[in-house]
């Protein structure tokens, strides 16, 4: 068991060193990947903003529709209650 722990402890610094030993090709590839990720994130952000605007327009239209529908229901109720002015379709 002690030998296993000693082996693990011996490998940890080697693994850390291997990860930090980045060559120029790997660094360039990593930087290209980061640039691509930033560009794609920009597209996603623009898409999300467009969706947010569309959702806001939809919600505003729904609210206007609900207000108009409620006004219509009040006119119908008033007409049924005998208010002849509420029965005018204009």
PDB file of N, CA and C in Angstrom:
ATOM      1  N   UNK A   1       0.823  -1.183   0.000  1.00  0.00           N
ATOM      2  CA  UNK A   1       0.000   0.000   0.000  1.00  0.00           C
ATOM      3  C   UNK A   1       0.870   1.250   0.000  1.00  0.00           C
ATOM      4  N   UNK A   2       1.925   1.260   0.799  1.00  0.00           N
ATOM      5  CA  UNK A   2       2.805   2.432   0.850  1.00  0.00           C
ATOM      6  C   UNK A   2       3.477   2.664  -0.501  1.00  0.00           C
ATOM      7  N   UNK A   3       3.811   1.569  -1.139  1.00  0.00           N
ATOM      8  CA  UNK A   3       4.465   1.708  -2.437  1.00  0.00           C
ATOM      9  C   UNK A   3       3.488   2.322  -3.454  1.00  0.00           C
ATOM     10  N   UNK A   4       2.233   1.926  -3.369  1.00  0.00           N
ATOM     11  CA  UNK A   4       1.203   2.473  -4.258  1.00  0.00           C
ATOM     12  C   UNK A   4       1.056   3.973  -4.038  1.00  0.00           C
ATOM     13  N   UNK A   5       1.001   4.405  -2.773  1.00  0.00           N
ATOM     14  CA  UNK A   5       0.884   5.832  -2.456  1.00  0.00           C
ATOM     15  C   UNK A   5       2.121   6.577  -2.942  1.00  0.00           C
ATOM     16  N   UNK A   6       3.280   5.993  -2.736  1.00  0.00           N
ATOM     17  CA  UNK A   6       4.526   6.623  -3.178  1.00  0.00           C
ATOM     18  C   UNK A   6       4.547   6.760  -4.705  1.00  0.00           C
ATOM     19  N   UNK A   7       4.051   5.753  -5.404  1.00  0.00           N
ATOM     20  CA  UNK A   7       3.998   5.794  -6.859  1.00  0.00           C
ATOM     21  C   UNK A   7       3.059   6.901  -7.324  1.00  0.00           C
ATOM     22  N   UNK A   8       1.902   7.013  -6.684  1.00  0.00           N
ATOM     23  CA  UNK A   8       0.937   8.067  -7.017  1.00  0.00           C
ATOM     24  C   UNK A   8       1.569   9.437  -6.791  1.00  0.00           C
ATOM     25  N   UNK A   9       2.208   9.608  -5.642  1.00  0.00           N
ATOM     26  CA  UNK A   9       2.836  10.889  -5.338  1.00  0.00           C
ATOM     27  C   UNK A   9       3.966  11.208  -6.311  1.00  0.00           C
ATOM     28  N   UNK A  10       4.644  10.204  -6.805  1.00  0.00           N
ATOM     29  CA  UNK A  10       5.714  10.414  -7.768  1.00  0.00           C
ATOM     30  C   UNK A  10       5.157  10.817  -9.124  1.00  0.00           C
ATOM     31  N   UNK A  11       3.986  10.319  -9.476  1.00  0.00           N
ATOM     32  CA  UNK A  11       3.393  10.609 -10.778  1.00  0.00           C
ATOM     33  C   UNK A  11       2.692  11.965 -10.827  1.00  0.00           C
ATOM     34  N   UNK A  12       2.213  12.455  -9.693  1.00  0.00           N
ATOM     35  CA  UNK A  12       1.478  13.722  -9.682  1.00  0.00           C
ATOM     36  C   UNK A  12       2.335  14.861 -10.218  1.00  0.00           C
ATOM     37  N   UNK A  13       3.557  15.069  -9.737  1.00  0.00           N
ATOM     38  CA  UNK A  13       4.371  16.151 -10.306  1.00  0.00           C
ATOM     39  C   UNK A  13       4.661  15.933 -11.790  1.00  0.00           C
ATOM     40  N   UNK A  14       4.851  14.689 -12.204  1.00  0.00           N
ATOM     41  CA  UNK A  14       5.127  14.407 -13.613  1.00  0.00           C
ATOM     42  C   UNK A  14       3.918  14.769 -14.462  1.00  0.00           C
ATOM     43  N   UNK A  15       2.718  14.464 -13.999  1.00  0.00           N
ATOM     44  CA  UNK A  15       1.509  14.801 -14.741  1.00  0.00           C
ATOM     45  C   UNK A  15       1.343  16.315 -14.820  1.00  0.00           C
ATOM     46  N   UNK A  16       1.617  17.005 -13.738  1.00  0.00           N
ATOM     47  CA  UNK A  16       1.506  18.466 -13.733  1.00  0.00           C
ATOM     48  C   UNK A  16       2.533  19.063 -14.690  1.00  0.00           C
ATOM     49  N   UNK A  17       3.727  18.516 -14.715  1.00  0.00           N
ATOM     50  CA  UNK A  17       4.753  19.024 -15.621  1.00  0.00           C
ATOM     51  C   UNK A  17       4.372  18.763 -17.074  1.00  0.00           C
ATOM     52  N   UNK A  18       3.812  17.599 -17.350  1.00  0.00           N
ATOM     53  CA  UNK A  18       3.426  17.260 -18.720  1.00  0.00           C
ATOM     54  C   UNK A  18       2.346  18.215 -19.226  1.00  0.00           C
ATOM     55  N   UNK A  19       1.440  18.609 -18.369  1.00  0.00           N
ATOM     56  CA  UNK A  19       0.373  19.519 -18.778  1.00  0.00           C
ATOM     57  C   UNK A  19       0.908  20.926 -19.017  1.00  0.00           C
ATOM     58  N   UNK A  20       1.895  21.337 -18.243  1.00  0.00           N
ATOM     59  CA  UNK A  20       2.419  22.688 -18.409  1.00  0.00           C
ATOM     60  C   UNK A  20       3.401  22.769 -19.569  1.00  0.00           C
ATOM     61  N   UNK A  21       3.884  21.645 -20.055  1.00  0.00           N
ATOM     62  CA  UNK A  21       4.843  21.637 -21.156  1.00  0.00           C
ATOM     63  C   UNK A  21       4.123  21.755 -22.490  1.00  0.00           C
ATOM     64  N   UNK A  22       3.572  22.916 -22.772  1.00  0.00           N
ATOM     65  CA  UNK A  22       2.783  23.131 -23.983  1.00  0.00           C
ATOM     66  C   UNK A  22       3.699  23.644 -25.097  1.00  0.00           C
ATOM     67  N   UNK A  23       3.672  22.965 -26.231  1.00  0.00           N
ATOM     68  CA  UNK A  23       4.502  23.438 -27.336  1.00  0.00           C
ATOM     69  C   UNK A  23       3.741  24.481 -28.157  1.00  0.00           C
ATOM     70  N   UNK A  24       4.435  25.077 -29.118  1.00  0.00           N
ATOM     71  CA  UNK A  24       3.856  26.175 -29.900  1.00  0.00           C
ATOM     72  C   UNK A  24       2.647  25.727 -30.710  1.00  0.00           C
ATOM     73  N   UNK A  25       2.688  24.521 -31.263  1.00  0.00           N
ATOM     74  CA  UNK A  25       1.566  24.021 -32.066  1.00  0.00           C
ATOM     75  C   UNK A  25       0.332  23.843 -31.185  1.00  0.00           C
ATOM     76  N   UNK A  26       0.531  23.240 -30.031  1.00  0.00           N
ATOM     77  CA  UNK A  26      -0.589  23.032 -29.115  1.00  0.00           C
ATOM     78  C   UNK A  26      -1.150  24.369 -28.640  1.00  0.00           C
ATOM     79  N   UNK A  27      -0.289  25.313 -28.326  1.00  0.00           N
ATOM     80  CA  UNK A  27      -0.722  26.627 -27.871  1.00  0.00           C
ATOM     81  C   UNK A  27      -1.530  27.334 -28.971  1.00  0.00           C
ATOM     82  N   UNK A  28      -1.039  27.264 -30.217  1.00  0.00           N
ATOM     83  CA  UNK A  28      -1.748  27.888 -31.341  1.00  0.00           C
ATOM     84  C   UNK A  28      -3.111  27.230 -31.539  1.00  0.00           C
ATOM     85  N   UNK A  29      -3.139  25.907 -31.423  1.00  0.00           N
ATOM     86  CA  UNK A  29      -4.414  25.189 -31.570  1.00  0.00           C
ATOM     87  C   UNK A  29      -5.391  25.584 -30.463  1.00  0.00           C
ATOM     88  N   UNK A  30      -4.879  25.686 -29.249  1.00  0.00           N
ATOM     89  CA  UNK A  30      -5.729  26.078 -28.126  1.00  0.00           C
ATOM     90  C   UNK A  30      -6.257  27.505 -28.321  1.00  0.00           C
ATOM     91  N   UNK A  31      -5.410  28.397 -28.822  1.00  0.00           N
ATOM     92  CA  UNK A  31      -5.834  29.784 -29.056  1.00  0.00           C
ATOM     93  C   UNK A  31      -6.858  29.864 -30.192  1.00  0.00           C
ATOM     94  N   UNK A  32      -6.665  29.053 -31.249  1.00  0.00           N
ATOM     95  CA  UNK A  32      -7.664  29.004 -32.328  1.00  0.00           C
ATOM     96  C   UNK A  32      -9.000  28.497 -31.809  1.00  0.00           C
ATOM     97  N   UNK A  33      -8.949  27.471 -30.985  1.00  0.00           N
ATOM     98  CA  UNK A  33     -10.175  26.923 -30.411  1.00  0.00           C
ATOM     99  C   UNK A  33     -10.877  27.966 -29.546  1.00  0.00           C
ATOM    100  N   UNK A  34     -10.106  28.699 -28.746  1.00  0.00           N
ATOM    101  CA  UNK A  34     -10.695  29.751 -27.904  1.00  0.00           C
ATOM    102  C   UNK A  34     -11.313  30.848 -28.776  1.00  0.00           C
ATOM    103  N   UNK A  35     -10.645  31.225 -29.877  1.00  0.00           N
ATOM    104  CA  UNK A  35     -11.185  32.243 -30.780  1.00  0.00           C
ATOM    105  C   UNK A  35     -12.471  31.754 -31.432  1.00  0.00           C
ATOM    106  N   UNK A  36     -12.490  30.494 -31.871  1.00  0.00           N
ATOM    107  CA  UNK A  36     -13.711  29.925 -32.450  1.00  0.00           C
ATOM    108  C   UNK A  36     -14.841  29.915 -31.432  1.00  0.00           C
ATOM    109  N   UNK A  37     -14.517  29.544 -30.206  1.00  0.00           N
ATOM    110  CA  UNK A  37     -15.542  29.528 -29.153  1.00  0.00           C
ATOM    111  C   UNK A  37     -16.103  30.922 -28.903  1.00  0.00           C
ATOM    112  N   UNK A  38     -15.234  31.931 -28.905  1.00  0.00           N
ATOM    113  CA  UNK A  38     -15.714  33.308 -28.718  1.00  0.00           C
ATOM    114  C   UNK A  38     -16.616  33.735 -29.869  1.00  0.00           C
ATOM    115  N   UNK A  39     -16.215  33.385 -31.102  1.00  0.00           N
ATOM    116  CA  UNK A  39     -17.023  33.755 -32.268  1.00  0.00           C
ATOM    117  C   UNK A  39     -18.394  33.074 -32.229  1.00  0.00           C
ATOM    118  N   UNK A  40     -18.398  31.806 -31.913  1.00  0.00           N
ATOM    119  CA  UNK A  40     -19.671  31.079 -31.832  1.00  0.00           C
ATOM    120  C   UNK A  40     -20.513  31.623 -30.686  1.00  0.00           C
ATOM    121  N   UNK A  41     -19.888  31.966 -29.570  1.00  0.00           N
ATOM    122  CA  UNK A  41     -20.650  32.534 -28.450  1.00  0.00           C
ATOM    123  C   UNK A  41     -21.301  33.845 -28.860  1.00  0.00           C
ATOM    124  N   UNK A  42     -20.605  34.635 -29.687  1.00  0.00           N
ATOM    125  CA  UNK A  42     -21.190  35.870 -30.201  1.00  0.00           C
ATOM    126  C   UNK A  42     -22.445  35.589 -31.020  1.00  0.00           C
ATOM    127  N   UNK A  43     -22.390  34.560 -31.861  1.00  0.00           N
ATOM    128  CA  UNK A  43     -23.573  34.178 -32.655  1.00  0.00           C
ATOM    129  C   UNK A  43     -24.710  33.729 -31.744  1.00  0.00           C
ATOM    130  N   UNK A  44     -24.371  32.949 -30.741  1.00  0.00           N
ATOM    131  CA  UNK A  44     -25.395  32.476 -29.801  1.00  0.00           C
ATOM    132  C   UNK A  44     -26.018  33.658 -29.062  1.00  0.00           C
ATOM    133  N   UNK A  45     -25.197  34.603 -28.648  1.00  0.00           N
ATOM    134  CA  UNK A  45     -25.708  35.779 -27.941  1.00  0.00           C
ATOM    135  C   UNK A  45     -26.650  36.594 -28.830  1.00  0.00           C
ATOM    136  N   UNK A  46     -26.271  36.770 -30.118  1.00  0.00           N
ATOM    137  CA  UNK A  46     -27.149  37.509 -31.044  1.00  0.00           C
ATOM    138  C   UNK A  46     -28.452  36.758 -31.273  1.00  0.00           C
ATOM    139  N   UNK A  47     -28.364  35.445 -31.404  1.00  0.00           N
ATOM    140  CA  UNK A  47     -29.565  34.619 -31.591  1.00  0.00           C
ATOM    141  C   UNK A  47     -30.474  34.726 -30.370  1.00  0.00           C
ATOM    142  N   UNK A  48     -29.885  34.649 -29.189  1.00  0.00           N
ATOM    143  CA  UNK A  48     -30.669  34.769 -27.954  1.00  0.00           C
ATOM    144  C   UNK A  48     -31.330  36.135 -27.847  1.00  0.00           C
ATOM    145  N   UNK A  49     -30.601  37.187 -28.235  1.00  0.00           N
ATOM    146  CA  UNK A  49     -31.169  38.542 -28.182  1.00  0.00           C
ATOM    147  C   UNK A  49     -32.344  38.662 -29.146  1.00  0.00           C
ATOM    148  N   UNK A  50     -32.208  38.079 -30.344  1.00  0.00           N
ATOM    149  CA  UNK A  50     -33.309  38.110 -31.311  1.00  0.00           C
ATOM    150  C   UNK A  50     -34.508  37.345 -30.761  1.00  0.00           C
ATOM    151  N   UNK A  51     -34.247  36.211 -30.135  1.00  0.00           N
ATOM    152  CA  UNK A  51     -35.342  35.447 -29.535  1.00  0.00           C
ATOM    153  C   UNK A  51     -36.009  36.241 -28.410  1.00  0.00           C
ATOM    154  N   UNK A  52     -35.209  36.913 -27.594  1.00  0.00           N
ATOM    155  CA  UNK A  52     -35.766  37.717 -26.500  1.00  0.00           C
ATOM    156  C   UNK A  52     -36.665  38.815 -27.045  1.00  0.00           C
ATOM    157  N   UNK A  53     -36.232  39.452 -28.159  1.00  0.00           N
ATOM    158  CA  UNK A  53     -37.041  40.507 -28.767  1.00  0.00           C
ATOM    159  C   UNK A  53     -38.344  39.934 -29.315  1.00  0.00           C
ATOM    160  N   UNK A  54     -38.275  38.780 -29.959  1.00  0.00           N
ATOM    161  CA  UNK A  54     -39.482  38.143 -30.500  1.00  0.00           C
ATOM    162  C   UNK A  54     -40.434  37.752 -29.381  1.00  0.00           C
ATOM    163  N   UNK A  55     -39.892  37.242 -28.286  1.00  0.00           N
ATOM    164  CA  UNK A  55     -40.729  36.858 -27.147  1.00  0.00           C
ATOM    165  C   UNK A  55     -41.389  38.093 -26.541  1.00  0.00           C
ATOM    166  N   UNK A  56     -40.659  39.194 -26.463  1.00  0.00           N
ATOM    167  CA  UNK A  56     -41.229  40.435 -25.923  1.00  0.00           C
ATOM    168  C   UNK A  56     -42.368  40.932 -26.811  1.00  0.00           C
ATOM    169  N   UNK A  57     -42.168  40.870 -28.147  1.00  0.00           N
ATOM    170  CA  UNK A  57     -43.243  41.284 -29.067  1.00  0.00           C
ATOM    171  C   UNK A  57     -44.452  40.374 -28.919  1.00  0.00           C
ATOM    172  N   UNK A  58     -44.221  39.077 -28.814  1.00  0.00           N
ATOM    173  CA  UNK A  58     -45.318  38.125 -28.643  1.00  0.00           C
ATOM    174  C   UNK A  58     -46.073  38.412 -27.346  1.00  0.00           C
ATOM    175  N   UNK A  59     -45.353  38.619 -26.261  1.00  0.00           N
ATOM    176  CA  UNK A  59     -46.002  38.894 -24.976  1.00  0.00           C
ATOM    177  C   UNK A  59     -46.809  40.184 -25.023  1.00  0.00           C
ATOM    178  N   UNK A  60     -46.289  41.209 -25.686  1.00  0.00           N
ATOM    179  CA  UNK A  60     -47.022  42.471 -25.820  1.00  0.00           C
ATOM    180  C   UNK A  60     -48.292  42.262 -26.646  1.00  0.00           C
ATOM    181  N   UNK A  61     -48.187  41.504 -27.727  1.00  0.00           N
ATOM    182  CA  UNK A  61     -49.367  41.224 -28.557  1.00  0.00           C
ATOM    183  C   UNK A  61     -50.397  40.409 -27.775  1.00  0.00           C
ATOM    184  N   UNK A  62     -49.941  39.445 -27.002  1.00  0.00           N
ATOM    185  CA  UNK A  62     -50.863  38.645 -26.188  1.00  0.00           C
ATOM    186  C   UNK A  62     -51.573  39.509 -25.150  1.00  0.00           C
ATOM    187  N   UNK A  63     -50.840  40.406 -24.522  1.00  0.00           N
ATOM    188  CA  UNK A  63     -51.434  41.291 -23.512  1.00  0.00           C
ATOM    189  C   UNK A  63     -52.482  42.200 -24.159  1.00  0.00           C
ATOM    190  N   UNK A  64     -52.171  42.740 -25.347  1.00  0.00           N
ATOM    191  CA  UNK A  64     -53.137  43.598 -26.056  1.00  0.00           C
ATOM    192  C   UNK A  64     -54.370  42.791 -26.429  1.00  0.00           C
ATOM    193  N   UNK A  65     -54.163  41.578 -26.897  1.00  0.00           N
ATOM    194  CA  UNK A  65     -55.292  40.701 -27.246  1.00  0.00           C
ATOM    195  C   UNK A  65     -56.163  40.421 -26.019  1.00  0.00           C
ATOM    196  N   UNK A  66     -55.546  40.130 -24.901  1.00  0.00           N
ATOM    197  CA  UNK A  66     -56.306  39.840 -23.678  1.00  0.00           C
ATOM    198  C   UNK A  66     -57.099  41.071 -23.233  1.00  0.00           C
ATOM    199  N   UNK A  67     -56.495  42.269 -23.352  1.00  0.00           N
ATOM    200  CA  UNK A  67     -57.230  43.486 -23.000  1.00  0.00           C
ATOM    201  C   UNK A  67     -58.435  43.691 -23.912  1.00  0.00           C
ATOM    202  N   UNK A  68     -58.235  43.497 -25.212  1.00  0.00           N
ATOM    203  CA  UNK A  68     -59.345  43.643 -26.166  1.00  0.00           C
ATOM    204  C   UNK A  68     -60.438  42.610 -25.902  1.00  0.00           C
ATOM    205  N   UNK A  69     -60.042  41.408 -25.602  1.00  0.00           N
ATOM    206  CA  UNK A  69     -61.010  40.335 -25.330  1.00  0.00           C
ATOM    207  C   UNK A  69     -61.815  40.646 -24.068  1.00  0.00           C
ATOM    208  N   UNK A  70     -61.134  41.141 -23.040  1.00  0.00           N
ATOM    209  CA  UNK A  70     -61.824  41.491 -21.792  1.00  0.00           C
ATOM    210  C   UNK A  70     -62.797  42.647 -22.029  1.00  0.00           C
ATOM    211  N   UNK A  71     -62.407  43.641 -22.832  1.00  0.00           N
ATOM    212  CA  UNK A  71     -63.311  44.752 -23.164  1.00  0.00           C
ATOM    213  C   UNK A  71     -64.530  44.218 -23.919  1.00  0.00           C
ATOM    214  N   UNK A  72     -64.309  43.289 -24.852  1.00  0.00           N
ATOM    215  CA  UNK A  72     -65.411  42.686 -25.595  1.00  0.00           C
ATOM    216  C   UNK A  72     -66.351  41.938 -24.640  1.00  0.00           C
ATOM    217  N   UNK A  73     -65.781  41.183 -23.718  1.00  0.00           N
ATOM    218  CA  UNK A  73     -66.617  40.445 -22.755  1.00  0.00           C
ATOM    219  C   UNK A  73     -67.451  41.406 -21.901  1.00  0.00           C
ATOM    220  N   UNK A  74     -66.848  42.540 -21.510  1.00  0.00           N
ATOM    221  CA  UNK A  74     -67.625  43.529 -20.737  1.00  0.00           C
ATOM    222  C   UNK A  74     -68.769  44.103 -21.567  1.00  0.00           C
ATOM    223  N   UNK A  75     -68.507  44.379 -22.863  1.00  0.00           N
ATOM    224  CA  UNK A  75     -69.573  44.893 -23.736  1.00  0.00           C
ATOM    225  C   UNK A  75     -70.685  43.870 -23.908  1.00  0.00           C
ATOM    226  N   UNK A  76     -70.318  42.609 -24.086  1.00  0.00           N
ATOM    227  CA  UNK A  76     -71.320  41.541 -24.229  1.00  0.00           C
ATOM    228  C   UNK A  76     -72.155  41.449 -22.955  1.00  0.00           C
ATOM    229  N   UNK A  77     -71.490  41.467 -21.809  1.00  0.00           N
ATOM    230  CA  UNK A  77     -72.227  41.377 -20.538  1.00  0.00           C
ATOM    231  C   UNK A  77     -73.159  42.574 -20.375  1.00  0.00           C
ATOM    232  N   UNK A  78     -72.676  43.766 -20.740  1.00  0.00           N
ATOM    233  CA  UNK A  78     -73.522  44.961 -20.630  1.00  0.00           C
ATOM    234  C   UNK A  78     -74.691  44.875 -21.598  1.00  0.00           C
ATOM    235  N   UNK A  79     -74.453  44.393 -22.807  1.00  0.00           N
ATOM    236  CA  UNK A  79     -75.530  44.241 -23.791  1.00  0.00           C
ATOM    237  C   UNK A  79     -76.568  43.254 -23.285  1.00  0.00           C
ATOM    238  N   UNK A  80     -76.107  42.144 -22.742  1.00  0.00           N
ATOM    239  CA  UNK A  80     -77.035  41.138 -22.219  1.00  0.00           C
ATOM    240  C   UNK A  80     -77.797  41.654 -21.006  1.00  0.00           C
ATOM    241  N   UNK A  81     -77.200  42.625 -20.303  1.00  0.00           N
ATOM    242  CA  UNK A  81     -77.862  43.211 -19.137  1.00  0.00           C
ATOM    243  C   UNK A  81     -78.842  44.312 -19.535  1.00  0.00           C
ATOM    244  N   UNK A  82     -78.913  44.627 -20.853  1.00  0.00           N
ATOM    245  CA  UNK A  82     -79.891  45.595 -21.304  1.00  0.00           C
ATOM    246  C   UNK A  82     -79.331  46.930 -21.731  1.00  0.00           C
ATOM    247  N   UNK A  83     -78.036  47.126 -21.726  1.00  0.00           N
ATOM    248  CA  UNK A  83     -77.438  48.384 -22.176  1.00  0.00           C
ATOM    249  C   UNK A  83     -77.352  48.344 -23.696  1.00  0.00           C
ATOM    250  N   UNK A  84     -78.289  49.030 -24.365  1.00  0.00           N
ATOM    251  CA  UNK A  84     -78.344  48.985 -25.837  1.00  0.00           C
ATOM    252  C   UNK A  84     -77.106  49.604 -26.477  1.00  0.00           C
ATOM    253  N   UNK A  85     -76.463  50.572 -25.836  1.00  0.00           N
ATOM    254  CA  UNK A  85     -75.262  51.181 -26.398  1.00  0.00           C
ATOM    255  C   UNK A  85     -74.131  50.149 -26.490  1.00  0.00           C
ATOM    256  N   UNK A  86     -74.100  49.217 -25.556  1.00  0.00           N
ATOM    257  CA  UNK A  86     -73.050  48.192 -25.578  1.00  0.00           C
ATOM    258  C   UNK A  86     -73.290  47.177 -26.683  1.00  0.00           C
ATOM    259  N   UNK A  87     -74.507  47.104 -27.209  1.00  0.00           N
ATOM    260  CA  UNK A  87     -74.827  46.152 -28.258  1.00  0.00           C
ATOM    261  C   UNK A  87     -74.410  46.656 -29.643  1.00  0.00           C
ATOM    262  N   UNK A  88     -74.040  47.929 -29.769  1.00  0.00           N
ATOM    263  CA  UNK A  88     -73.617  48.500 -31.037  1.00  0.00           C
ATOM    264  C   UNK A  88     -72.301  47.848 -31.470  1.00  0.00           C
ATOM    265  N   UNK A  89     -72.260  47.218 -32.656  1.00  0.00           N
ATOM    266  CA  UNK A  89     -71.047  46.502 -33.054  1.00  0.00           C
ATOM    267  C   UNK A  89     -69.866  47.394 -33.410  1.00  0.00           C
ATOM    268  N   UNK A  90     -70.040  48.705 -33.504  1.00  0.00           N
ATOM    269  CA  UNK A  90     -68.922  49.563 -33.923  1.00  0.00           C
ATOM    270  C   UNK A  90     -68.014  49.908 -32.820  1.00  0.00           C
TER     271      UNK A  90
END
